């Protein structure tokens, strides 16, 4: 039995990013970023669509990532999303703090 996580507490761009990742929709995921959008993955920063696509192909959507949201918290204007990550790459708990939505950087 598969359950769908409640994504209603997520900001819209973050919800769409999680859905794209879980659907293994690389184009949909990348379309959420502006030209200079970035991902900081444990201190490694990937900036721009080409770098994001290379990172995603090797370490995220390309390894069939799955994200199960376990918590959404806020500290002022900062949103912190906690997820259980699965797939053929990293598996385990992870937190992310998206800082900007489409039109100003990244989800």
C-alpha atoms as a PDB file:
ATOM      1  CA  UNK A   1       0.000   0.000   0.000  1.00  0.00           C
ATOM      2  CA  UNK A   2       1.348   3.420  -0.956  1.00  0.00           C
ATOM      3  CA  UNK A   3       0.349   6.562   0.861  1.00  0.00           C
ATOM      4  CA  UNK A   4       0.646  10.057  -0.544  1.00  0.00           C
ATOM      5  CA  UNK A   5       2.193  12.558   1.860  1.00  0.00           C
ATOM      6  CA  UNK A   6       0.222  15.653   2.791  1.00  0.00           C
ATOM      7  CA  UNK A   7       1.977  18.440   0.913  1.00  0.00           C
ATOM      8  CA  UNK A   8      -0.556  21.119   1.840  1.00  0.00           C
ATOM      9  CA  UNK A   9       1.816  22.781   4.326  1.00  0.00           C
ATOM     10  CA  UNK A  10       4.470  23.363   1.677  1.00  0.00           C
ATOM     11  CA  UNK A  11       4.853  26.605  -0.252  1.00  0.00           C
ATOM     12  CA  UNK A  12       3.547  26.059  -3.802  1.00  0.00           C
ATOM     13  CA  UNK A  13       6.945  26.029  -5.586  1.00  0.00           C
ATOM     14  CA  UNK A  14       8.348  23.563  -3.041  1.00  0.00           C
ATOM     15  CA  UNK A  15       5.297  21.304  -3.357  1.00  0.00           C
ATOM     16  CA  UNK A  16       5.740  21.312  -7.145  1.00  0.00           C
ATOM     17  CA  UNK A  17       9.463  20.489  -6.789  1.00  0.00           C
ATOM     18  CA  UNK A  18       8.690  17.525  -4.509  1.00  0.00           C
ATOM     19  CA  UNK A  19       6.012  16.280  -6.887  1.00  0.00           C
ATOM     20  CA  UNK A  20       8.349  16.594  -9.899  1.00  0.00           C
ATOM     21  CA  UNK A  21      11.134  14.763  -8.051  1.00  0.00           C
ATOM     22  CA  UNK A  22       8.820  11.942  -6.986  1.00  0.00           C
ATOM     23  CA  UNK A  23       7.495  11.657 -10.561  1.00  0.00           C
ATOM     24  CA  UNK A  24      11.110  11.572 -11.838  1.00  0.00           C
ATOM     25  CA  UNK A  25      10.227  14.569 -14.025  1.00  0.00           C
ATOM     26  CA  UNK A  26      13.595  16.224 -14.606  1.00  0.00           C
ATOM     27  CA  UNK A  27      12.248  18.870 -16.999  1.00  0.00           C
ATOM     28  CA  UNK A  28       9.417  19.776 -14.614  1.00  0.00           C
ATOM     29  CA  UNK A  29      11.859  20.029 -11.721  1.00  0.00           C
ATOM     30  CA  UNK A  30      14.334  22.181 -13.640  1.00  0.00           C
ATOM     31  CA  UNK A  31      11.568  24.458 -14.943  1.00  0.00           C
ATOM     32  CA  UNK A  32      10.968  25.597 -11.365  1.00  0.00           C
ATOM     33  CA  UNK A  33      14.358  27.315 -11.281  1.00  0.00           C
ATOM     34  CA  UNK A  34      15.300  30.625 -12.817  1.00  0.00           C
ATOM     35  CA  UNK A  35      18.343  30.870 -15.082  1.00  0.00           C
ATOM     36  CA  UNK A  36      20.597  31.449 -12.064  1.00  0.00           C
ATOM     37  CA  UNK A  37      18.741  29.072  -9.737  1.00  0.00           C
ATOM     38  CA  UNK A  38      20.900  26.987  -7.424  1.00  0.00           C
ATOM     39  CA  UNK A  39      20.976  23.920  -5.209  1.00  0.00           C
ATOM     40  CA  UNK A  40      23.320  23.624  -2.262  1.00  0.00           C
ATOM     41  CA  UNK A  41      23.791  19.912  -1.644  1.00  0.00           C
ATOM     42  CA  UNK A  42      25.755  19.462   1.564  1.00  0.00           C
ATOM     43  CA  UNK A  43      28.012  22.430   0.774  1.00  0.00           C
ATOM     44  CA  UNK A  44      28.354  21.699  -2.930  1.00  0.00           C
ATOM     45  CA  UNK A  45      26.666  24.452  -4.909  1.00  0.00           C
ATOM     46  CA  UNK A  46      25.193  23.872  -8.372  1.00  0.00           C
ATOM     47  CA  UNK A  47      24.152  27.039 -10.225  1.00  0.00           C
ATOM     48  CA  UNK A  48      22.258  27.307 -13.510  1.00  0.00           C
ATOM     49  CA  UNK A  49      20.164  24.832 -15.454  1.00  0.00           C
ATOM     50  CA  UNK A  50      23.081  22.860 -16.941  1.00  0.00           C
ATOM     51  CA  UNK A  51      24.753  22.348 -13.548  1.00  0.00           C
ATOM     52  CA  UNK A  52      21.422  21.516 -11.914  1.00  0.00           C
ATOM     53  CA  UNK A  53      20.599  18.975 -14.602  1.00  0.00           C
ATOM     54  CA  UNK A  54      24.006  17.304 -14.284  1.00  0.00           C
ATOM     55  CA  UNK A  55      23.619  17.132 -10.492  1.00  0.00           C
ATOM     56  CA  UNK A  56      20.059  15.832 -10.746  1.00  0.00           C
ATOM     57  CA  UNK A  57      20.956  13.189 -13.343  1.00  0.00           C
ATOM     58  CA  UNK A  58      23.791  11.859 -11.178  1.00  0.00           C
ATOM     59  CA  UNK A  59      22.421  12.272  -7.668  1.00  0.00           C
ATOM     60  CA  UNK A  60      18.717  13.109  -7.566  1.00  0.00           C
ATOM     61  CA  UNK A  61      16.089  12.311 -10.182  1.00  0.00           C
ATOM     62  CA  UNK A  62      18.530  10.190 -12.202  1.00  0.00           C
ATOM     63  CA  UNK A  63      18.857   7.784  -9.269  1.00  0.00           C
ATOM     64  CA  UNK A  64      15.085   7.509  -8.880  1.00  0.00           C
ATOM     65  CA  UNK A  65      14.859   9.672  -5.784  1.00  0.00           C
ATOM     66  CA  UNK A  66      11.781   9.482  -3.604  1.00  0.00           C
ATOM     67  CA  UNK A  67      10.930  12.139  -1.055  1.00  0.00           C
ATOM     68  CA  UNK A  68       8.533  11.471   1.811  1.00  0.00           C
ATOM     69  CA  UNK A  69       7.900  14.723   3.629  1.00  0.00           C
ATOM     70  CA  UNK A  70       8.060  14.166   7.365  1.00  0.00           C
ATOM     71  CA  UNK A  71       7.803  17.745   8.646  1.00  0.00           C
ATOM     72  CA  UNK A  72       7.454  21.351   7.561  1.00  0.00           C
ATOM     73  CA  UNK A  73       8.486  24.046  10.004  1.00  0.00           C
ATOM     74  CA  UNK A  74       8.964  27.782   9.874  1.00  0.00           C
ATOM     75  CA  UNK A  75      11.393  30.123  11.532  1.00  0.00           C
ATOM     76  CA  UNK A  76      10.408  33.648  10.592  1.00  0.00           C
ATOM     77  CA  UNK A  77      10.255  33.706   6.795  1.00  0.00           C
ATOM     78  CA  UNK A  78      12.441  30.580   6.466  1.00  0.00           C
ATOM     79  CA  UNK A  79      10.697  27.283   5.641  1.00  0.00           C
ATOM     80  CA  UNK A  80      12.440  24.067   6.648  1.00  0.00           C
ATOM     81  CA  UNK A  81      11.305  20.884   4.932  1.00  0.00           C
ATOM     82  CA  UNK A  82      12.280  17.522   6.405  1.00  0.00           C
ATOM     83  CA  UNK A  83      12.048  14.406   4.274  1.00  0.00           C
ATOM     84  CA  UNK A  84      12.933  10.762   4.252  1.00  0.00           C
ATOM     85  CA  UNK A  85      14.933  10.283   1.062  1.00  0.00           C
ATOM     86  CA  UNK A  86      14.908   6.997  -0.814  1.00  0.00           C
ATOM     87  CA  UNK A  87      15.973   5.697  -4.205  1.00  0.00           C
ATOM     88  CA  UNK A  88      19.186   4.369  -5.687  1.00  0.00           C
ATOM     89  CA  UNK A  89      21.389   7.095  -4.210  1.00  0.00           C
ATOM     90  CA  UNK A  90      21.407   8.671  -0.758  1.00  0.00           C
ATOM     91  CA  UNK A  91      18.852   7.151   1.586  1.00  0.00           C
ATOM     92  CA  UNK A  92      17.990   8.672   4.913  1.00  0.00           C
ATOM     93  CA  UNK A  93      16.643  11.793   6.556  1.00  0.00           C
ATOM     94  CA  UNK A  94      17.385  15.182   5.047  1.00  0.00           C
ATOM     95  CA  UNK A  95      16.377  18.788   5.611  1.00  0.00           C
ATOM     96  CA  UNK A  96      16.222  21.562   3.068  1.00  0.00           C
ATOM     97  CA  UNK A  97      15.482  25.226   3.324  1.00  0.00           C
ATOM     98  CA  UNK A  98      14.278  26.632   0.003  1.00  0.00           C
ATOM     99  CA  UNK A  99      14.995  30.325  -0.167  1.00  0.00           C
ATOM    100  CA  UNK A 100      13.338  31.665  -3.299  1.00  0.00           C
ATOM    101  CA  UNK A 101      10.577  30.791  -5.721  1.00  0.00           C
ATOM    102  CA  UNK A 102      10.448  30.882  -9.509  1.00  0.00           C
ATOM    103  CA  UNK A 103      11.155  34.376 -10.746  1.00  0.00           C
ATOM    104  CA  UNK A 104      13.788  35.022  -8.111  1.00  0.00           C
ATOM    105  CA  UNK A 105      16.079  32.001  -8.031  1.00  0.00           C
ATOM    106  CA  UNK A 106      15.108  28.508  -6.890  1.00  0.00           C
ATOM    107  CA  UNK A 107      12.141  26.697  -5.291  1.00  0.00           C
END
